[in-house]
Amino acid sequence: MRRGPSEFLPLADDAVRAVAGPAGRHAALIEDAFSVLVETPGGGVSLNGDAHARRSAKQAIEALAGRVASHLEVTVADVRLAIDQARAGMTGAASSARRGQVTAKTAAQAHYLDALGANDLVFGLGPAGTGKTFLAVAHGANLLRSGAVERLVVTRPAVEAGERLGFLPGDLTEKVDPYMAPVWEAMSTILGAEALRKRRERAEIEVAPIAFMRGRTLSHAFVIVDEAQNTTRLQMKMVLTRLGEGSSMAVTGDPSQVDLINAGDSGLAHAVSILEGVEGVAVSRFTSADVVRHPLVGRIVEAYDADAVRRSR
């Protein structure tokens, strides 16, 4: 990489280590993104490159240093988000959580959190592992704790295992819980197990299958429709029209993973096609680049997407 004008950015040693990253990986990402040379001679970071490149790289580095100052971990995902934000001139988006901050890890996640805060209906579309449901739960938990809503309602079609609710033993909660395991895990992480238990007992948190939404009006609530690609068009229309006074809704799903017998009957893609652009409605789309689970998950998603493209030709 050709050297250009140099600039030195003083930083604490722990921030320098975070910017460099394991085996220099974080610094390499910044170098590739902005065509600069990043060196860590001690006491700070040295940047070499043209003025515009240095300015953008400096913004990303300062964002990472800010995480360190807040005693937050700096991961590869955080570096990529800082790079995306520096390119777009964005600021970070975060939702408060039981253990510090639930922070956007990618630019798409940051846009999603912004959309949830600004719109009454938000569609979160994309592959597994992109944080669609987890961030919606975090947003809903914030609204519940702040008193902005009275209830957090989560609904999900129970079709993934090919079983009907009537085939499972127990009362409604026992029938539904197996399908809601990912949601309960997210809520427990965000609220804590004891707080979650108490709020469930007070009916501040409710889960129910899509079928049990019919005929209801959900007022002063934040509603999450999870795995929405497995709703039918009629179910989607029904659940969207449950919104009452003081309520908002997040609808999450992966349009490429429809488990219905007739995939063309999926209500998610249809709803997005007719509602995108309507006032008060936002659509956030995620790709394999936004996967924040194990790095291999993103590569798996990409491989399946590529295979789908080949088969469609």
Protein backbone atom coordinates (compact mmCIF):
# COMPACT_ATOMS: atom_id res chain seq x y z
CA MET A 1 0.00 0.00 0.00
CA ARG A 2 1.40 3.38 -1.04
CA ARG A 3 2.16 5.72 1.82
CA GLY A 4 0.61 9.16 1.85
CA PRO A 5 0.44 11.98 4.37
CA SER A 6 0.56 10.70 7.94
CA GLU A 7 -1.63 11.44 10.95
CA PHE A 8 -1.22 10.20 14.50
CA LEU A 9 -4.26 9.54 16.67
CA PRO A 10 -3.40 9.24 20.41
CA LEU A 11 -5.22 6.37 22.12
CA ALA A 12 -5.05 4.40 25.34
CA ASP A 13 -3.27 1.07 25.09
CA ASP A 14 -6.47 -1.01 25.40
CA ALA A 15 -8.04 0.97 22.58
CA VAL A 16 -4.94 0.47 20.42
CA ARG A 17 -5.16 -3.28 21.00
CA ALA A 18 -8.83 -3.27 20.04
CA VAL A 19 -8.14 -1.32 16.85
CA ALA A 20 -5.34 -3.69 15.89
CA GLY A 21 -7.37 -6.79 16.73
CA PRO A 22 -6.21 -10.40 16.93
CA ALA A 23 -3.25 -10.87 14.58
CA GLY A 24 -3.93 -7.38 13.20
CA ARG A 25 -7.27 -8.43 11.69
CA HIS A 26 -9.22 -5.33 12.72
CA ALA A 27 -6.57 -2.98 11.37
CA ALA A 28 -6.49 -4.94 8.12
CA LEU A 29 -10.25 -4.47 7.68
CA ILE A 30 -9.87 -0.71 8.18
CA GLU A 31 -6.95 -0.58 5.74
CA ASP A 32 -8.90 -2.44 3.04
CA ALA A 33 -12.04 -0.35 3.57
CA PHE A 34 -10.40 3.08 3.29
CA SER A 35 -7.13 2.43 1.40
CA VAL A 36 -5.03 3.63 4.31
CA LEU A 37 -2.08 2.18 6.19
CA VAL A 38 -2.77 1.58 9.89
CA GLU A 39 0.19 1.24 12.25
CA THR A 40 0.25 0.94 16.03
CA PRO A 41 3.67 2.16 17.17
CA GLY A 42 2.54 2.68 20.77
CA GLY A 43 0.48 5.39 22.43
CA GLY A 44 -1.92 5.56 19.55
CA VAL A 45 -2.57 4.76 15.89
CA SER A 46 -0.74 6.13 12.87
CA LEU A 47 -2.76 6.62 9.68
CA ASN A 48 -1.22 7.04 6.23
CA GLY A 49 -3.30 7.95 3.21
CA ASP A 50 -5.06 10.87 1.55
CA ALA A 51 -7.03 13.32 3.68
CA HIS A 52 -10.49 11.92 2.91
CA ALA A 53 -9.39 8.34 3.56
CA ARG A 54 -7.72 9.28 6.84
CA ARG A 55 -10.80 11.19 7.97
CA SER A 56 -13.10 8.21 7.37
CA ALA A 57 -10.67 5.75 8.96
CA LYS A 58 -10.28 8.06 11.95
CA GLN A 59 -14.05 8.14 12.44
CA ALA A 60 -14.19 4.34 12.46
CA ILE A 61 -11.26 4.09 14.88
CA GLU A 62 -12.79 6.64 17.23
CA ALA A 63 -16.03 4.62 17.27
CA LEU A 64 -14.09 1.53 18.30
CA ALA A 65 -12.20 3.48 20.94
CA GLY A 66 -15.55 4.68 22.27
CA ARG A 67 -16.68 1.08 22.74
CA VAL A 68 -13.51 0.34 24.68
CA ALA A 69 -14.06 3.40 26.87
CA SER A 70 -17.57 2.10 27.61
CA HIS A 71 -16.09 -1.27 28.62
CA LEU A 72 -17.69 -3.03 25.64
CA GLU A 73 -16.14 -5.80 23.61
CA VAL A 74 -14.80 -5.03 20.13
CA THR A 75 -15.43 -7.82 17.63
CA VAL A 76 -15.01 -8.12 13.89
CA ALA A 77 -18.72 -7.33 13.54
CA ASP A 78 -18.19 -4.11 15.51
CA VAL A 79 -15.31 -3.14 13.21
CA ARG A 80 -17.44 -3.73 10.14
CA LEU A 81 -20.26 -1.66 11.62
CA ALA A 82 -17.85 1.18 12.45
CA ILE A 83 -16.58 1.06 8.87
CA ASP A 84 -20.11 1.13 7.44
CA GLN A 85 -21.06 4.03 9.69
CA ALA A 86 -17.96 5.99 8.77
CA ARG A 87 -18.75 5.50 5.08
CA ALA A 88 -22.36 6.60 5.56
CA GLY A 89 -21.73 9.28 8.19
CA MET A 90 -24.08 7.39 10.55
CA THR A 91 -24.24 7.26 14.31
CA GLY A 92 -24.69 4.02 16.22
CA ALA A 93 -28.09 2.71 17.26
CA ALA A 94 -28.61 0.76 20.45
CA SER A 95 -31.31 -0.56 22.74
CA SER A 96 -30.82 -0.76 26.48
CA ALA A 97 -30.57 -4.28 27.87
CA ARG A 98 -30.20 -5.98 31.22
CA ARG A 99 -26.47 -6.37 30.68
CA GLY A 100 -25.31 -3.07 29.20
CA GLN A 101 -26.31 -2.42 25.62
CA VAL A 102 -27.89 -4.41 22.82
CA THR A 103 -25.98 -2.72 20.05
CA ALA A 104 -26.32 -2.95 16.29
CA LYS A 105 -23.52 -5.05 14.85
CA THR A 106 -24.03 -4.08 11.21
CA ALA A 107 -25.31 -1.05 9.33
CA ALA A 108 -28.49 -2.97 8.42
CA GLN A 109 -29.15 -3.65 12.10
CA ALA A 110 -28.64 0.03 12.90
CA HIS A 111 -31.17 0.99 10.22
CA TYR A 112 -33.56 -1.63 11.60
CA LEU A 113 -33.40 -0.22 15.14
CA ASP A 114 -33.91 3.28 13.77
CA ALA A 115 -36.94 2.05 11.79
CA LEU A 116 -38.45 0.37 14.86
CA GLY A 117 -38.22 3.64 16.74
CA ALA A 118 -39.74 5.71 13.95
CA ASN A 119 -42.54 3.57 12.47
CA ASP A 120 -45.66 1.77 13.68
CA LEU A 121 -45.09 -1.24 11.40
CA VAL A 122 -41.65 -2.58 10.49
CA PHE A 123 -40.88 -5.64 8.38
CA GLY A 124 -37.52 -7.26 9.11
CA LEU A 125 -36.57 -9.57 6.24
CA GLY A 126 -33.52 -11.77 5.93
CA PRO A 127 -31.75 -15.03 6.74
CA ALA A 128 -31.34 -16.66 10.12
CA GLY A 129 -28.76 -15.16 12.45
CA THR A 130 -29.16 -11.54 11.39
CA GLY A 131 -30.75 -10.44 14.67
CA LYS A 132 -34.22 -9.64 13.33
CA THR A 133 -36.13 -11.17 16.23
CA PHE A 134 -33.57 -10.46 18.94
CA LEU A 135 -33.47 -6.73 18.17
CA ALA A 136 -37.27 -6.57 17.95
CA VAL A 137 -37.48 -8.20 21.39
CA ALA A 138 -34.89 -5.74 22.73
CA HIS A 139 -36.89 -2.82 21.35
CA GLY A 140 -40.13 -4.19 22.79
CA ALA A 141 -38.52 -4.81 26.19
CA ASN A 142 -37.35 -1.19 26.25
CA LEU A 143 -40.85 0.05 25.51
CA LEU A 144 -42.29 -2.19 28.22
CA ARG A 145 -39.78 -1.17 30.89
CA SER A 146 -40.17 2.53 30.09
CA GLY A 147 -43.96 2.35 30.29
CA ALA A 148 -44.40 3.33 26.65
CA VAL A 149 -46.50 0.17 26.19
CA GLU A 150 -48.40 -2.02 28.63
CA ARG A 151 -47.76 -5.37 26.98
CA LEU A 152 -45.30 -7.20 24.78
CA VAL A 153 -47.16 -9.66 22.57
CA VAL A 154 -45.37 -12.27 20.47
CA THR A 155 -47.16 -14.44 17.95
CA ARG A 156 -45.81 -17.05 15.61
CA PRO A 157 -47.27 -19.66 13.25
CA ALA A 158 -46.76 -23.15 14.68
CA VAL A 159 -45.98 -25.04 11.49
CA GLU A 160 -42.22 -25.61 11.61
CA ALA A 161 -42.35 -29.20 12.87
CA GLY A 162 -45.30 -30.24 10.78
CA GLU A 163 -47.46 -30.66 13.91
CA ARG A 164 -50.69 -29.00 14.95
CA LEU A 165 -51.09 -27.52 18.39
CA GLY A 166 -53.75 -30.06 19.28
CA PHE A 167 -51.23 -32.88 18.94
CA LEU A 168 -49.11 -31.53 21.80
CA PRO A 169 -49.93 -32.21 25.47
CA GLY A 170 -50.72 -29.58 28.09
CA ASP A 171 -52.43 -26.21 28.29
CA LEU A 172 -52.00 -23.39 25.76
CA THR A 173 -48.71 -22.18 27.25
CA GLU A 174 -47.26 -25.69 27.22
CA LYS A 175 -48.41 -26.21 23.63
CA VAL A 176 -46.96 -22.94 22.37
CA ASP A 177 -43.68 -22.77 24.30
CA PRO A 178 -41.78 -25.30 22.15
CA TYR A 179 -42.35 -23.09 19.12
CA MET A 180 -41.36 -19.96 21.04
CA ALA A 181 -38.00 -21.19 22.39
CA PRO A 182 -35.92 -18.66 20.37
CA VAL A 183 -38.13 -15.81 21.61
CA TRP A 184 -37.94 -16.92 25.25
CA GLU A 185 -34.15 -17.17 24.98
CA ALA A 186 -33.94 -13.62 23.65
CA MET A 187 -36.27 -12.29 26.35
CA SER A 188 -34.36 -14.08 29.10
CA THR A 189 -31.08 -12.65 27.84
CA ILE A 190 -32.48 -9.12 27.71
CA LEU A 191 -34.74 -9.00 30.77
CA GLY A 192 -33.26 -11.68 32.99
CA ALA A 193 -35.03 -14.92 33.91
CA GLU A 194 -36.66 -13.62 37.10
CA ALA A 195 -37.97 -10.40 35.57
CA LEU A 196 -39.28 -12.38 32.63
CA ARG A 197 -41.13 -14.77 34.96
CA LYS A 198 -42.76 -11.92 36.90
CA ARG A 199 -43.84 -10.07 33.78
CA ARG A 200 -45.35 -13.25 32.35
CA GLU A 201 -47.29 -13.79 35.59
CA ARG A 202 -48.62 -10.21 35.36
CA ALA A 203 -49.63 -10.83 31.73
CA GLU A 204 -47.32 -8.03 30.60
CA ILE A 205 -45.69 -10.51 28.25
CA GLU A 206 -47.92 -12.76 26.19
CA VAL A 207 -47.28 -15.38 23.55
CA ALA A 208 -49.93 -16.95 21.38
CA PRO A 209 -50.20 -18.69 18.02
CA ILE A 210 -51.47 -16.68 15.08
CA ALA A 211 -54.88 -18.39 15.26
CA PHE A 212 -55.49 -16.90 18.72
CA MET A 213 -55.09 -13.33 17.44
CA ARG A 214 -58.35 -13.39 15.50
CA GLY A 215 -61.02 -11.03 16.78
CA ARG A 216 -58.69 -9.16 19.16
CA THR A 217 -57.63 -5.53 19.26
CA LEU A 218 -54.12 -5.08 20.65
CA SER A 219 -53.93 -1.63 22.25
CA HIS A 220 -50.92 -0.07 24.01
CA ALA A 221 -48.78 -3.04 23.02
CA PHE A 222 -45.68 -3.85 21.05
CA VAL A 223 -46.41 -6.85 18.85
CA ILE A 224 -43.83 -9.15 17.27
CA VAL A 225 -44.93 -11.49 14.49
CA ASP A 226 -42.07 -13.98 14.23
CA GLU A 227 -41.40 -16.52 11.43
CA ALA A 228 -43.93 -14.54 9.41
CA GLN A 229 -43.00 -16.25 6.14
CA ASN A 230 -45.13 -19.16 7.40
CA THR A 231 -48.30 -17.11 7.72
CA THR A 232 -50.86 -17.35 4.94
CA ARG A 233 -52.07 -14.20 3.21
CA LEU A 234 -55.31 -14.31 5.21
CA GLN A 235 -53.44 -14.79 8.48
CA MET A 236 -51.10 -11.89 7.69
CA LYS A 237 -53.97 -9.53 6.92
CA MET A 238 -55.73 -10.62 10.09
CA VAL A 239 -52.74 -10.09 12.39
CA LEU A 240 -51.73 -6.76 10.82
CA THR A 241 -55.22 -5.41 11.43
CA ARG A 242 -55.07 -6.29 15.16
CA LEU A 243 -53.14 -3.07 15.88
CA GLY A 244 -54.99 -0.80 18.26
CA GLU A 245 -54.41 2.57 19.89
CA GLY A 246 -50.85 3.19 21.06
CA SER A 247 -49.48 0.00 19.50
CA SER A 248 -46.74 -0.81 17.03
CA MET A 249 -45.57 -4.02 15.38
CA ALA A 250 -42.47 -5.76 14.06
CA VAL A 251 -42.94 -8.54 11.50
CA THR A 252 -39.88 -10.74 11.03
CA GLY A 253 -39.14 -13.58 8.67
CA ASP A 254 -37.10 -15.05 5.84
CA PRO A 255 -39.09 -15.11 2.57
CA SER A 256 -36.74 -17.79 1.21
CA GLN A 257 -37.60 -20.28 4.01
CA VAL A 258 -41.33 -20.89 3.61
CA ASP A 259 -42.55 -24.12 5.23
CA LEU A 260 -46.13 -23.91 3.99
CA ILE A 261 -47.34 -26.65 1.64
CA ASN A 262 -48.00 -23.96 -0.96
CA ALA A 263 -45.08 -21.53 -0.71
CA GLY A 264 -46.89 -19.07 -2.95
CA ASP A 265 -49.51 -18.58 -0.25
CA SER A 266 -46.98 -16.98 2.13
CA GLY A 267 -48.37 -13.76 3.52
CA LEU A 268 -45.01 -12.10 4.23
CA ALA A 269 -43.79 -11.39 0.70
CA HIS A 270 -47.32 -10.43 -0.34
CA ALA A 271 -47.72 -7.96 2.53
CA VAL A 272 -44.36 -6.33 1.81
CA SER A 273 -45.20 -6.02 -1.88
CA ILE A 274 -48.39 -4.05 -1.21
CA LEU A 275 -47.41 -2.14 1.94
CA GLU A 276 -43.86 -0.97 1.24
CA GLY A 277 -44.03 2.80 0.81
CA VAL A 278 -47.23 3.20 2.84
CA GLU A 279 -46.91 5.93 5.47
CA GLY A 280 -45.90 4.50 8.83
CA VAL A 281 -44.52 1.29 7.30
CA ALA A 282 -40.80 0.52 6.98
CA VAL A 283 -38.99 -2.45 5.47
CA SER A 284 -35.52 -3.48 6.67
CA ARG A 285 -33.67 -6.07 4.60
CA PHE A 286 -30.75 -8.17 5.80
CA THR A 287 -28.29 -10.31 3.85
CA SER A 288 -25.74 -12.99 4.71
CA ALA A 289 -23.29 -10.14 5.42
CA ASP A 290 -25.43 -9.25 8.45
CA VAL A 291 -25.27 -12.69 10.06
CA VAL A 292 -23.90 -12.23 13.58
CA ARG A 293 -23.80 -15.86 14.70
CA HIS A 294 -20.81 -18.08 13.98
CA PRO A 295 -18.98 -16.77 10.85
CA LEU A 296 -19.68 -20.10 9.16
CA VAL A 297 -23.42 -19.37 9.27
CA GLY A 298 -22.97 -16.47 6.84
CA ARG A 299 -21.01 -18.69 4.46
CA ILE A 300 -23.66 -21.40 4.71
CA VAL A 301 -26.38 -18.88 3.84
CA GLU A 302 -24.35 -17.65 0.86
CA ALA A 303 -23.85 -21.21 -0.40
CA TYR A 304 -27.56 -21.97 -0.22
CA ASP A 305 -28.41 -18.67 -1.93
CA ALA A 306 -25.96 -19.44 -4.73
CA ASP A 307 -27.45 -22.93 -5.13
CA ALA A 308 -30.96 -21.43 -5.34
CA VAL A 309 -29.81 -19.07 -8.10
CA ARG A 310 -28.27 -21.97 -10.06
CA ARG A 311 -31.43 -24.04 -9.76
CA SER A 312 -33.62 -21.16 -10.94
CA ARG A 313 -31.71 -20.79 -14.21
